[in-house]
Amino acid sequence: MTALVFTLPGWLLNKVGGGDVKLSMLLGAFLGPTGYILSVVLALPFGLIFLVGHRLAARPIPVDLPVGAFLAGGASVVLLVASWSTV
């Protein structure tokens, strides 16, 4: 439900693609509300690093930037930390 609240408005306004919405729903169902919010918060630095890298390489920043890769990176960090904390 949390993923739906975060991604549905962006999809309706054509700011977020359908694949990003589907991945968000999957992550929300798998990680739960807290894990999903943490993965979104952790996806922001991944996106920032990507954009800074593009800027430093003097490449144009893509207009339609897929968010799914950054969400997957944030979810990976959440899963790694969760598995380490239970050891």
Protein backbone atom coordinates (compact mmCIF):
# COMPACT_ATOMS: atom_id res chain seq x y z
CA MET A 1 0.00 0.00 0.00
CA THR A 2 2.88 2.36 0.78
CA ALA A 3 4.37 1.82 -2.68
CA LEU A 4 1.03 2.57 -4.30
CA VAL A 5 0.75 5.85 -2.41
CA PHE A 6 4.26 6.90 -3.47
CA THR A 7 4.24 5.86 -7.12
CA LEU A 8 0.67 6.09 -8.41
CA PRO A 9 0.56 9.91 -8.61
CA GLY A 10 3.81 9.96 -10.60
CA TRP A 11 2.50 7.31 -12.97
CA LEU A 12 -0.79 9.15 -13.49
CA LEU A 13 1.14 12.34 -14.33
CA ASN A 14 3.46 10.39 -16.70
CA LYS A 15 6.52 11.20 -14.56
CA VAL A 16 7.23 7.58 -13.56
CA GLY A 17 7.15 4.62 -15.94
CA GLY A 18 5.02 1.52 -15.52
CA GLY A 19 8.02 -0.68 -14.78
CA ASP A 20 9.06 1.56 -11.90
CA VAL A 21 5.56 1.32 -10.44
CA LYS A 22 5.55 -2.48 -10.73
CA LEU A 23 8.98 -2.74 -9.12
CA SER A 24 7.87 -0.43 -6.32
CA MET A 25 4.82 -2.57 -5.67
CA LEU A 26 6.98 -5.69 -5.56
CA LEU A 27 9.48 -4.07 -3.20
CA GLY A 28 6.70 -2.77 -0.98
CA ALA A 29 5.17 -6.24 -0.73
CA PHE A 30 8.51 -7.92 -0.12
CA LEU A 31 10.18 -5.42 2.22
CA GLY A 32 7.14 -4.05 4.02
CA PRO A 33 6.39 -0.37 4.56
CA THR A 34 9.52 0.44 6.57
CA GLY A 35 11.85 -1.44 4.25
CA TYR A 36 10.28 0.15 1.19
CA ILE A 37 10.63 3.67 2.56
CA LEU A 38 14.26 2.95 3.47
CA SER A 39 14.94 1.62 -0.02
CA VAL A 40 13.47 4.76 -1.58
CA VAL A 41 15.56 6.96 0.71
CA LEU A 42 18.66 4.93 -0.15
CA ALA A 43 17.87 5.10 -3.87
CA LEU A 44 18.34 8.87 -3.82
CA PRO A 45 22.13 8.77 -3.28
CA PHE A 46 22.48 6.17 -6.06
CA GLY A 47 20.67 8.49 -8.45
CA LEU A 48 22.73 11.45 -7.31
CA ILE A 49 25.99 9.56 -7.89
CA PHE A 50 24.77 8.63 -11.38
CA LEU A 51 23.85 12.21 -12.24
CA VAL A 52 27.11 13.64 -10.87
CA GLY A 53 29.05 11.03 -12.85
CA HIS A 54 27.23 12.03 -16.03
CA ARG A 55 27.92 15.69 -15.34
CA LEU A 56 31.63 15.08 -14.66
CA ALA A 57 31.95 13.03 -17.85
CA ALA A 58 30.38 15.96 -19.74
CA ARG A 59 27.58 13.74 -21.00
CA PRO A 60 24.04 15.00 -21.38
CA ILE A 61 21.72 13.92 -18.60
CA PRO A 62 19.01 11.63 -19.99
CA VAL A 63 15.57 13.15 -19.86
CA ASP A 64 13.75 9.85 -19.20
CA LEU A 65 15.83 8.45 -16.38
CA PRO A 66 14.61 5.02 -15.22
CA VAL A 67 14.30 4.92 -11.46
CA GLY A 68 14.11 1.12 -11.20
CA ALA A 69 17.86 0.59 -11.08
CA PHE A 70 18.22 3.01 -8.19
CA LEU A 71 15.29 1.43 -6.34
CA ALA A 72 16.88 -1.98 -6.79
CA GLY A 73 20.17 -0.65 -5.39
CA GLY A 74 18.41 0.79 -2.36
CA ALA A 75 16.49 -2.44 -1.81
CA SER A 76 19.74 -4.43 -2.04
CA VAL A 77 21.29 -2.32 0.70
CA VAL A 78 18.19 -2.76 2.88
CA LEU A 79 18.28 -6.54 2.39
CA LEU A 80 22.02 -6.74 3.13
CA VAL A 81 21.71 -4.71 6.32
CA ALA A 82 18.66 -6.73 7.40
CA SER A 83 20.52 -10.00 6.87
CA TRP A 84 23.57 -8.75 8.76
CA SER A 85 21.49 -7.49 11.67
CA THR A 86 19.96 -10.93 12.26
CA VAL A 87 23.31 -12.75 12.42
